[in-house]
Amino acid sequence: MIRDAVPADAAAVAAIYAHHVLHGTASFDTEPPSVEATAEKIVWVAERGWAWLVAEEGGAVAGYVYFTQFRDRPAYRWCAEDSIYVRADAQGRGVGRALLG
């Protein structure tokens, strides 16, 4: 199931992202953000009209994707950058493809 993210998803999203920060190469963060910071970011993205989606499997968040404006200058307002992360035990099962679809 794909749905809009809500601040209540922050703990699951933060846990997924923390794994990628600590064990992956896709993030430029060196320390995982807190659950509170993640909840604030979910709200920040939504307030700007960009999408933040989560994929659920068995009632648990298996991955997420969000889109933001590529750069803050007005000419970039139609250019999106995506960030997508999948829970380690859910990788290779099409979660990311479903989120981007």
PDB file of N, CA and C in Angstrom:
ATOM      1  N   MET A   1       0.840  -1.165   0.000  1.00  0.00           N
ATOM      2  CA  MET A   1       0.000   0.000   0.000  1.00  0.00           C
ATOM      3  C   MET A   1       0.893   1.238   0.000  1.00  0.00           C
ATOM      4  N   ILE A   2       0.624   2.169  -0.890  1.00  0.00           N
ATOM      5  CA  ILE A   2       1.338   3.439  -0.957  1.00  0.00           C
ATOM      6  C   ILE A   2       0.390   4.529  -0.460  1.00  0.00           C
ATOM      7  N   ARG A   3       0.880   5.391   0.430  1.00  0.00           N
ATOM      8  CA  ARG A   3       0.050   6.463   0.969  1.00  0.00           C
ATOM      9  C   ARG A   3       0.930   7.656   1.314  1.00  0.00           C
ATOM     10  N   ASP A   4       0.285   8.793   1.554  1.00  0.00           N
ATOM     11  CA  ASP A   4       1.009   9.979   2.002  1.00  0.00           C
ATOM     12  C   ASP A   4       1.599   9.734   3.387  1.00  0.00           C
ATOM     13  N   ALA A   5       2.785  10.239   3.589  1.00  0.00           N
ATOM     14  CA  ALA A   5       3.415  10.154   4.911  1.00  0.00           C
ATOM     15  C   ALA A   5       2.761  11.159   5.847  1.00  0.00           C
ATOM     16  N   VAL A   6       2.764  10.819   7.123  1.00  0.00           N
ATOM     17  CA  VAL A   6       2.289  11.704   8.179  1.00  0.00           C
ATOM     18  C   VAL A   6       3.362  11.745   9.269  1.00  0.00           C
ATOM     19  N   PRO A   7       3.346  12.771  10.112  1.00  0.00           N
ATOM     20  CA  PRO A   7       4.366  12.851  11.158  1.00  0.00           C
ATOM     21  C   PRO A   7       4.464  11.588  12.024  1.00  0.00           C
ATOM     22  N   ALA A   8       3.375  10.850  12.179  1.00  0.00           N
ATOM     23  CA  ALA A   8       3.416   9.610  12.968  1.00  0.00           C
ATOM     24  C   ALA A   8       4.309   8.546  12.333  1.00  0.00           C
ATOM     25  N   ASP A   9       4.660   8.716  11.066  1.00  0.00           N
ATOM     26  CA  ASP A   9       5.563   7.779  10.392  1.00  0.00           C
ATOM     27  C   ASP A   9       7.025   8.083  10.680  1.00  0.00           C
ATOM     28  N   ALA A  10       7.301   9.166  11.386  1.00  0.00           N
ATOM     29  CA  ALA A  10       8.671   9.636  11.554  1.00  0.00           C
ATOM     30  C   ALA A  10       9.607   8.605  12.176  1.00  0.00           C
ATOM     31  N   ALA A  11       9.154   7.845  13.154  1.00  0.00           N
ATOM     32  CA  ALA A  11      10.035   6.860  13.791  1.00  0.00           C
ATOM     33  C   ALA A  11      10.464   5.789  12.792  1.00  0.00           C
ATOM     34  N   ALA A  12       9.525   5.284  12.010  1.00  0.00           N
ATOM     35  CA  ALA A  12       9.860   4.255  11.019  1.00  0.00           C
ATOM     36  C   ALA A  12      10.751   4.818   9.924  1.00  0.00           C
ATOM     37  N   VAL A  13      10.423   6.020   9.460  1.00  0.00           N
ATOM     38  CA  VAL A  13      11.221   6.664   8.412  1.00  0.00           C
ATOM     39  C   VAL A  13      12.636   6.935   8.929  1.00  0.00           C
ATOM     40  N   ALA A  14      12.749   7.451  10.141  1.00  0.00           N
ATOM     41  CA  ALA A  14      14.061   7.740  10.717  1.00  0.00           C
ATOM     42  C   ALA A  14      14.894   6.471  10.866  1.00  0.00           C
ATOM     43  N   ALA A  15      14.266   5.371  11.244  1.00  0.00           N
ATOM     44  CA  ALA A  15      14.993   4.103  11.384  1.00  0.00           C
ATOM     45  C   ALA A  15      15.503   3.609  10.031  1.00  0.00           C
ATOM     46  N   ILE A  16      14.673   3.712   9.010  1.00  0.00           N
ATOM     47  CA  ILE A  16      15.100   3.298   7.667  1.00  0.00           C
ATOM     48  C   ILE A  16      16.275   4.161   7.216  1.00  0.00           C
ATOM     49  N   TYR A  17      16.145   5.465   7.376  1.00  0.00           N
ATOM     50  CA  TYR A  17      17.197   6.373   6.928  1.00  0.00           C
ATOM     51  C   TYR A  17      18.477   6.175   7.735  1.00  0.00           C
ATOM     52  N   ALA A  18      18.355   5.952   9.034  1.00  0.00           N
ATOM     53  CA  ALA A  18      19.535   5.745   9.883  1.00  0.00           C
ATOM     54  C   ALA A  18      20.375   4.581   9.368  1.00  0.00           C
ATOM     55  N   HIS A  19      19.714   3.506   8.968  1.00  0.00           N
ATOM     56  CA  HIS A  19      20.453   2.355   8.423  1.00  0.00           C
ATOM     57  C   HIS A  19      21.276   2.775   7.211  1.00  0.00           C
ATOM     58  N   HIS A  20      20.675   3.566   6.329  1.00  0.00           N
ATOM     59  CA  HIS A  20      21.372   3.977   5.110  1.00  0.00           C
ATOM     60  C   HIS A  20      22.489   4.980   5.399  1.00  0.00           C
ATOM     61  N   VAL A  21      22.290   5.845   6.378  1.00  0.00           N
ATOM     62  CA  VAL A  21      23.352   6.783   6.769  1.00  0.00           C
ATOM     63  C   VAL A  21      24.550   6.010   7.307  1.00  0.00           C
ATOM     64  N   LEU A  22      24.287   5.035   8.149  1.00  0.00           N
ATOM     65  CA  LEU A  22      25.368   4.305   8.823  1.00  0.00           C
ATOM     66  C   LEU A  22      26.013   3.217   7.977  1.00  0.00           C
ATOM     67  N   HIS A  23      25.271   2.674   6.995  1.00  0.00           N
ATOM     68  CA  HIS A  23      25.784   1.521   6.250  1.00  0.00           C
ATOM     69  C   HIS A  23      25.797   1.689   4.739  1.00  0.00           C
ATOM     70  N   GLY A  24      25.298   2.789   4.237  1.00  0.00           N
ATOM     71  CA  GLY A  24      25.182   2.965   2.792  1.00  0.00           C
ATOM     72  C   GLY A  24      26.048   4.085   2.263  1.00  0.00           C
ATOM     73  N   THR A  25      25.872   4.360   0.985  1.00  0.00           N
ATOM     74  CA  THR A  25      26.638   5.414   0.324  1.00  0.00           C
ATOM     75  C   THR A  25      25.740   6.455  -0.341  1.00  0.00           C
ATOM     76  N   ALA A  26      24.428   6.343  -0.205  1.00  0.00           N
ATOM     77  CA  ALA A  26      23.505   7.234  -0.908  1.00  0.00           C
ATOM     78  C   ALA A  26      23.251   8.535  -0.161  1.00  0.00           C
ATOM     79  N   SER A  27      23.587   8.621   1.097  1.00  0.00           N
ATOM     80  CA  SER A  27      23.297   9.807   1.898  1.00  0.00           C
ATOM     81  C   SER A  27      24.574  10.606   2.137  1.00  0.00           C
ATOM     82  N   PHE A  28      24.431  11.911   2.184  1.00  0.00           N
ATOM     83  CA  PHE A  28      25.562  12.762   2.544  1.00  0.00           C
ATOM     84  C   PHE A  28      25.535  13.125   4.021  1.00  0.00           C
ATOM     85  N   ASP A  29      24.552  12.620   4.760  1.00  0.00           N
ATOM     86  CA  ASP A  29      24.552  12.807   6.209  1.00  0.00           C
ATOM     87  C   ASP A  29      25.571  11.858   6.831  1.00  0.00           C
ATOM     88  N   THR A  30      26.171  12.289   7.921  1.00  0.00           N
ATOM     89  CA  THR A  30      27.109  11.427   8.646  1.00  0.00           C
ATOM     90  C   THR A  30      26.531  10.940   9.965  1.00  0.00           C
ATOM     91  N   GLU A  31      25.475  11.598  10.425  1.00  0.00           N
ATOM     92  CA  GLU A  31      24.758  11.196  11.630  1.00  0.00           C
ATOM     93  C   GLU A  31      23.273  11.122  11.289  1.00  0.00           C
ATOM     94  N   PRO A  32      22.600  10.064  11.703  1.00  0.00           N
ATOM     95  CA  PRO A  32      21.155   9.978  11.440  1.00  0.00           C
ATOM     96  C   PRO A  32      20.389  11.078  12.171  1.00  0.00           C
ATOM     97  N   PRO A  33      19.419  11.708  11.497  1.00  0.00           N
ATOM     98  CA  PRO A  33      18.603  12.718  12.180  1.00  0.00           C
ATOM     99  C   PRO A  33      17.657  12.073  13.192  1.00  0.00           C
ATOM    100  N   SER A  34      17.227  12.860  14.129  1.00  0.00           N
ATOM    101  CA  SER A  34      16.311  12.378  15.166  1.00  0.00           C
ATOM    102  C   SER A  34      14.913  12.144  14.597  1.00  0.00           C
ATOM    103  N   VAL A  35      14.105  11.448  15.367  1.00  0.00           N
ATOM    104  CA  VAL A  35      12.705  11.245  14.997  1.00  0.00           C
ATOM    105  C   VAL A  35      11.999  12.596  14.911  1.00  0.00           C
ATOM    106  N   GLU A  36      12.290  13.490  15.844  1.00  0.00           N
ATOM    107  CA  GLU A  36      11.668  14.814  15.841  1.00  0.00           C
ATOM    108  C   GLU A  36      12.035  15.594  14.577  1.00  0.00           C
ATOM    109  N   ALA A  37      13.307  15.563  14.201  1.00  0.00           N
ATOM    110  CA  ALA A  37      13.746  16.255  12.986  1.00  0.00           C
ATOM    111  C   ALA A  37      13.093  15.646  11.751  1.00  0.00           C
ATOM    112  N   THR A  38      12.909  14.349  11.759  1.00  0.00           N
ATOM    113  CA  THR A  38      12.267  13.668  10.635  1.00  0.00           C
ATOM    114  C   THR A  38      10.798  14.073  10.531  1.00  0.00           C
ATOM    115  N   ALA A  39      10.109  14.128  11.651  1.00  0.00           N
ATOM    116  CA  ALA A  39       8.703  14.570  11.647  1.00  0.00           C
ATOM    117  C   ALA A  39       8.594  15.995  11.120  1.00  0.00           C
ATOM    118  N   GLU A  40       9.500  16.863  11.545  1.00  0.00           N
ATOM    119  CA  GLU A  40       9.494  18.248  11.062  1.00  0.00           C
ATOM    120  C   GLU A  40       9.728  18.294   9.546  1.00  0.00           C
ATOM    121  N   LYS A  41      10.595  17.444   9.049  1.00  0.00           N
ATOM    122  CA  LYS A  41      10.880  17.430   7.610  1.00  0.00           C
ATOM    123  C   LYS A  41       9.668  16.937   6.820  1.00  0.00           C
ATOM    124  N   ILE A  42       8.967  15.945   7.334  1.00  0.00           N
ATOM    125  CA  ILE A  42       7.752  15.460   6.665  1.00  0.00           C
ATOM    126  C   ILE A  42       6.748  16.611   6.538  1.00  0.00           C
ATOM    127  N   VAL A  43       6.565  17.366   7.598  1.00  0.00           N
ATOM    128  CA  VAL A  43       5.648  18.504   7.577  1.00  0.00           C
ATOM    129  C   VAL A  43       6.160  19.584   6.623  1.00  0.00           C
ATOM    130  N   TRP A  44       7.446  19.889   6.668  1.00  0.00           N
ATOM    131  CA  TRP A  44       8.052  20.918   5.824  1.00  0.00           C
ATOM    132  C   TRP A  44       7.828  20.606   4.348  1.00  0.00           C
ATOM    133  N   VAL A  45       8.054  19.353   3.951  1.00  0.00           N
ATOM    134  CA  VAL A  45       7.861  18.946   2.552  1.00  0.00           C
ATOM    135  C   VAL A  45       6.390  19.107   2.156  1.00  0.00           C
ATOM    136  N   ALA A  46       5.486  18.640   2.994  1.00  0.00           N
ATOM    137  CA  ALA A  46       4.054  18.728   2.687  1.00  0.00           C
ATOM    138  C   ALA A  46       3.584  20.180   2.591  1.00  0.00           C
ATOM    139  N   GLU A  47       4.075  21.031   3.466  1.00  0.00           N
ATOM    140  CA  GLU A  47       3.669  22.438   3.452  1.00  0.00           C
ATOM    141  C   GLU A  47       4.065  23.141   2.154  1.00  0.00           C
ATOM    142  N   ARG A  48       5.065  22.637   1.476  1.00  0.00           N
ATOM    143  CA  ARG A  48       5.524  23.231   0.227  1.00  0.00           C
ATOM    144  C   ARG A  48       4.889  22.588  -1.001  1.00  0.00           C
ATOM    145  N   GLY A  49       3.970  21.651  -0.753  1.00  0.00           N
ATOM    146  CA  GLY A  49       3.232  21.047  -1.849  1.00  0.00           C
ATOM    147  C   GLY A  49       3.933  19.903  -2.556  1.00  0.00           C
ATOM    148  N   TRP A  50       5.011  19.421  -1.986  1.00  0.00           N
ATOM    149  CA  TRP A  50       5.722  18.290  -2.569  1.00  0.00           C
ATOM    150  C   TRP A  50       5.220  16.995  -1.932  1.00  0.00           C
ATOM    151  N   ALA A  51       5.432  15.898  -2.606  1.00  0.00           N
ATOM    152  CA  ALA A  51       4.947  14.602  -2.123  1.00  0.00           C
ATOM    153  C   ALA A  51       5.967  13.932  -1.208  1.00  0.00           C
ATOM    154  N   TRP A  52       5.468  13.285  -0.175  1.00  0.00           N
ATOM    155  CA  TRP A  52       6.245  12.362   0.661  1.00  0.00           C
ATOM    156  C   TRP A  52       5.345  11.149   0.819  1.00  0.00           C
ATOM    157  N   LEU A  53       5.773  10.034   0.271  1.00  0.00           N
ATOM    158  CA  LEU A  53       4.971   8.812   0.278  1.00  0.00           C
ATOM    159  C   LEU A  53       5.679   7.723   1.059  1.00  0.00           C
ATOM    160  N   VAL A  54       4.901   6.858   1.682  1.00  0.00           N
ATOM    161  CA  VAL A  54       5.447   5.666   2.326  1.00  0.00           C
ATOM    162  C   VAL A  54       4.793   4.429   1.709  1.00  0.00           C
ATOM    163  N   ALA A  55       5.555   3.362   1.676  1.00  0.00           N
ATOM    164  CA  ALA A  55       5.041   2.056   1.256  1.00  0.00           C
ATOM    165  C   ALA A  55       4.902   1.208   2.510  1.00  0.00           C
ATOM    166  N   GLU A  56       3.745   0.604   2.663  1.00  0.00           N
ATOM    167  CA  GLU A  56       3.505  -0.281   3.803  1.00  0.00           C
ATOM    168  C   GLU A  56       3.443  -1.719   3.338  1.00  0.00           C
ATOM    169  N   GLU A  57       4.016  -2.598   4.121  1.00  0.00           N
ATOM    170  CA  GLU A  57       3.890  -4.052   3.947  1.00  0.00           C
ATOM    171  C   GLU A  57       3.517  -4.620   5.309  1.00  0.00           C
ATOM    172  N   GLY A  58       2.412  -5.295   5.377  1.00  0.00           N
ATOM    173  CA  GLY A  58       1.987  -5.889   6.640  1.00  0.00           C
ATOM    174  C   GLY A  58       1.806  -4.874   7.756  1.00  0.00           C
ATOM    175  N   GLY A  59       1.398  -3.658   7.417  1.00  0.00           N
ATOM    176  CA  GLY A  59       1.165  -2.629   8.413  1.00  0.00           C
ATOM    177  C   GLY A  59       2.404  -1.871   8.863  1.00  0.00           C
ATOM    178  N   ALA A  60       3.573  -2.206   8.313  1.00  0.00           N
ATOM    179  CA  ALA A  60       4.819  -1.532   8.687  1.00  0.00           C
ATOM    180  C   ALA A  60       5.370  -0.776   7.481  1.00  0.00           C
ATOM    181  N   VAL A  61       6.030   0.334   7.742  1.00  0.00           N
ATOM    182  CA  VAL A  61       6.633   1.121   6.670  1.00  0.00           C
ATOM    183  C   VAL A  61       7.831   0.351   6.122  1.00  0.00           C
ATOM    184  N   ALA A  62       7.783   0.048   4.818  1.00  0.00           N
ATOM    185  CA  ALA A  62       8.858  -0.702   4.158  1.00  0.00           C
ATOM    186  C   ALA A  62       9.797   0.212   3.388  1.00  0.00           C
ATOM    187  N   GLY A  63       9.366   1.434   3.122  1.00  0.00           N
ATOM    188  CA  GLY A  63      10.203   2.376   2.399  1.00  0.00           C
ATOM    189  C   GLY A  63       9.474   3.687   2.227  1.00  0.00           C
ATOM    190  N   TYR A  64      10.199   4.663   1.722  1.00  0.00           N
ATOM    191  CA  TYR A  64       9.590   5.976   1.506  1.00  0.00           C
ATOM    192  C   TYR A  64      10.315   6.701   0.386  1.00  0.00           C
ATOM    193  N   VAL A  65       9.607   7.665  -0.167  1.00  0.00           N
ATOM    194  CA  VAL A  65      10.171   8.568  -1.169  1.00  0.00           C
ATOM    195  C   VAL A  65       9.603   9.949  -0.910  1.00  0.00           C
ATOM    196  N   TYR A  66      10.437  10.947  -1.108  1.00  0.00           N
ATOM    197  CA  TYR A  66       9.912  12.309  -1.071  1.00  0.00           C
ATOM    198  C   TYR A  66      10.581  13.117  -2.169  1.00  0.00           C
ATOM    199  N   PHE A  67       9.877  14.173  -2.553  1.00  0.00           N
ATOM    200  CA  PHE A  67      10.327  15.035  -3.630  1.00  0.00           C
ATOM    201  C   PHE A  67      10.418  16.457  -3.105  1.00  0.00           C
ATOM    202  N   THR A  68      11.456  17.157  -3.505  1.00  0.00           N
ATOM    203  CA  THR A  68      11.614  18.558  -3.157  1.00  0.00           C
ATOM    204  C   THR A  68      12.113  19.311  -4.379  1.00  0.00           C
ATOM    205  N   GLN A  69      11.967  20.629  -4.333  1.00  0.00           N
ATOM    206  CA  GLN A  69      12.468  21.463  -5.418  1.00  0.00           C
ATOM    207  C   GLN A  69      13.980  21.304  -5.492  1.00  0.00           C
ATOM    208  N   PHE A  70      14.501  21.119  -6.703  1.00  0.00           N
ATOM    209  CA  PHE A  70      15.921  20.840  -6.910  1.00  0.00           C
ATOM    210  C   PHE A  70      16.815  21.944  -6.345  1.00  0.00           C
ATOM    211  N   ARG A  71      16.496  23.168  -6.599  1.00  0.00           N
ATOM    212  CA  ARG A  71      17.213  24.326  -6.058  1.00  0.00           C
ATOM    213  C   ARG A  71      16.181  25.340  -5.598  1.00  0.00           C
ATOM    214  N   ASP A  72      16.583  26.280  -4.757  1.00  0.00           N
ATOM    215  CA  ASP A  72      15.625  27.226  -4.201  1.00  0.00           C
ATOM    216  C   ASP A  72      15.341  28.430  -5.094  1.00  0.00           C
ATOM    217  N   ARG A  73      15.984  28.558  -6.239  1.00  0.00           N
ATOM    218  CA  ARG A  73      15.722  29.686  -7.136  1.00  0.00           C
ATOM    219  C   ARG A  73      14.431  29.451  -7.916  1.00  0.00           C
ATOM    220  N   PRO A  74      13.708  30.539  -8.233  1.00  0.00           N
ATOM    221  CA  PRO A  74      12.402  30.416  -8.885  1.00  0.00           C
ATOM    222  C   PRO A  74      12.404  29.605 -10.180  1.00  0.00           C
ATOM    223  N   ALA A  75      13.437  29.701 -10.967  1.00  0.00           N
ATOM    224  CA  ALA A  75      13.459  28.979 -12.243  1.00  0.00           C
ATOM    225  C   ALA A  75      13.454  27.460 -12.054  1.00  0.00           C
ATOM    226  N   TYR A  76      13.799  26.995 -10.866  1.00  0.00           N
ATOM    227  CA  TYR A  76      13.814  25.555 -10.587  1.00  0.00           C
ATOM    228  C   TYR A  76      12.485  25.052 -10.025  1.00  0.00           C
ATOM    229  N   ARG A  77      11.465  25.892  -9.945  1.00  0.00           N
ATOM    230  CA  ARG A  77      10.235  25.501  -9.266  1.00  0.00           C
ATOM    231  C   ARG A  77       9.573  24.262  -9.863  1.00  0.00           C
ATOM    232  N   TRP A  78       9.882  23.906 -11.094  1.00  0.00           N
ATOM    233  CA  TRP A  78       9.280  22.727 -11.731  1.00  0.00           C
ATOM    234  C   TRP A  78      10.260  21.557 -11.794  1.00  0.00           C
ATOM    235  N   CYS A  79      11.431  21.708 -11.188  1.00  0.00           N
ATOM    236  CA  CYS A  79      12.441  20.645 -11.199  1.00  0.00           C
ATOM    237  C   CYS A  79      12.475  19.965  -9.835  1.00  0.00           C
ATOM    238  N   ALA A  80      12.220  18.691  -9.812  1.00  0.00           N
ATOM    239  CA  ALA A  80      12.180  17.960  -8.546  1.00  0.00           C
ATOM    240  C   ALA A  80      13.401  17.069  -8.376  1.00  0.00           C
ATOM    241  N   GLU A  81      13.768  16.915  -7.136  1.00  0.00           N
ATOM    242  CA  GLU A  81      14.797  15.970  -6.742  1.00  0.00           C
ATOM    243  C   GLU A  81      14.106  14.927  -5.871  1.00  0.00           C
ATOM    244  N   ASP A  82      14.390  13.651  -6.102  1.00  0.00           N
ATOM    245  CA  ASP A  82      13.757  12.628  -5.267  1.00  0.00           C
ATOM    246  C   ASP A  82      14.781  11.975  -4.353  1.00  0.00           C
ATOM    247  N   SER A  83      14.298  11.550  -3.215  1.00  0.00           N
ATOM    248  CA  SER A  83      15.073  10.769  -2.256  1.00  0.00           C
ATOM    249  C   SER A  83      14.232   9.554  -1.926  1.00  0.00           C
ATOM    250  N   ILE A  84      14.827   8.388  -2.089  1.00  0.00           N
ATOM    251  CA  ILE A  84      14.078   7.150  -1.865  1.00  0.00           C
ATOM    252  C   ILE A  84      14.931   6.188  -1.052  1.00  0.00           C
ATOM    253  N   TYR A  85      14.312   5.627  -0.031  1.00  0.00           N
ATOM    254  CA  TYR A  85      15.001   4.684   0.846  1.00  0.00           C
ATOM    255  C   TYR A  85      14.060   3.532   1.174  1.00  0.00           C
ATOM    256  N   VAL A  86      14.611   2.337   1.189  1.00  0.00           N
ATOM    257  CA  VAL A  86      13.849   1.120   1.459  1.00  0.00           C
ATOM    258  C   VAL A  86      14.467   0.422   2.667  1.00  0.00           C
ATOM    259  N   ARG A  87      13.615  -0.090   3.531  1.00  0.00           N
ATOM    260  CA  ARG A  87      14.075  -0.842   4.704  1.00  0.00           C
ATOM    261  C   ARG A  87      14.972  -1.987   4.242  1.00  0.00           C
ATOM    262  N   ALA A  88      16.046  -2.238   4.943  1.00  0.00           N
ATOM    263  CA  ALA A  88      17.043  -3.222   4.528  1.00  0.00           C
ATOM    264  C   ALA A  88      16.430  -4.591   4.231  1.00  0.00           C
ATOM    265  N   ASP A  89      15.495  -5.041   5.049  1.00  0.00           N
ATOM    266  CA  ASP A  89      14.916  -6.373   4.837  1.00  0.00           C
ATOM    267  C   ASP A  89      13.816  -6.383   3.773  1.00  0.00           C
ATOM    268  N   ALA A  90      13.515  -5.221   3.184  1.00  0.00           N
ATOM    269  CA  ALA A  90      12.497  -5.140   2.137  1.00  0.00           C
ATOM    270  C   ALA A  90      13.102  -4.849   0.765  1.00  0.00           C
ATOM    271  N   GLN A  91      14.409  -4.738   0.705  1.00  0.00           N
ATOM    272  CA  GLN A  91      15.068  -4.435  -0.567  1.00  0.00           C
ATOM    273  C   GLN A  91      14.960  -5.603  -1.541  1.00  0.00           C
ATOM    274  N   GLY A  92      14.905  -5.262  -2.818  1.00  0.00           N
ATOM    275  CA  GLY A  92      14.852  -6.279  -3.869  1.00  0.00           C
ATOM    276  C   GLY A  92      13.472  -6.865  -4.124  1.00  0.00           C
ATOM    277  N   ARG A  93      12.448  -6.255  -3.537  1.00  0.00           N
ATOM    278  CA  ARG A  93      11.076  -6.779  -3.704  1.00  0.00           C
ATOM    279  C   ARG A  93      10.155  -5.811  -4.428  1.00  0.00           C
ATOM    280  N   GLY A  94      10.718  -4.764  -5.034  1.00  0.00           N
ATOM    281  CA  GLY A  94       9.908  -3.836  -5.816  1.00  0.00           C
ATOM    282  C   GLY A  94       9.309  -2.675  -5.040  1.00  0.00           C
ATOM    283  N   VAL A  95       9.716  -2.499  -3.778  1.00  0.00           N
ATOM    284  CA  VAL A  95       9.174  -1.407  -2.965  1.00  0.00           C
ATOM    285  C   VAL A  95       9.542  -0.056  -3.586  1.00  0.00           C
ATOM    286  N   GLY A  96      10.801   0.115  -3.950  1.00  0.00           N
ATOM    287  CA  GLY A  96      11.238   1.363  -4.550  1.00  0.00           C
ATOM    288  C   GLY A  96      10.542   1.659  -5.860  1.00  0.00           C
ATOM    289  N   ARG A  97      10.398   0.658  -6.690  1.00  0.00           N
ATOM    290  CA  ARG A  97       9.695   0.811  -7.971  1.00  0.00           C
ATOM    291  C   ARG A  97       8.254   1.224  -7.744  1.00  0.00           C
ATOM    292  N   ALA A  98       7.612   0.623  -6.765  1.00  0.00           N
ATOM    293  CA  ALA A  98       6.222   0.976  -6.462  1.00  0.00           C
ATOM    294  C   ALA A  98       6.116   2.427  -5.982  1.00  0.00           C
ATOM    295  N   LEU A  99       7.050   2.859  -5.164  1.00  0.00           N
ATOM    296  CA  LEU A  99       7.032   4.226  -4.666  1.00  0.00           C
ATOM    297  C   LEU A  99       7.214   5.240  -5.797  1.00  0.00           C
ATOM    298  N   LEU A 100       8.103   4.966  -6.702  1.00  0.00           N
ATOM    299  CA  LEU A 100       8.337   5.902  -7.807  1.00  0.00           C
ATOM    300  C   LEU A 100       7.238   5.846  -8.862  1.00  0.00           C
ATOM    301  N   GLY A 101       6.514   4.742  -8.904  1.00  0.00           N
ATOM    302  CA  GLY A 101       5.433   4.606  -9.871  1.00  0.00           C
ATOM    303  C   GLY A 101       4.304   5.518  -9.557  1.00  0.00           C
TER     304      GLY A 101
END
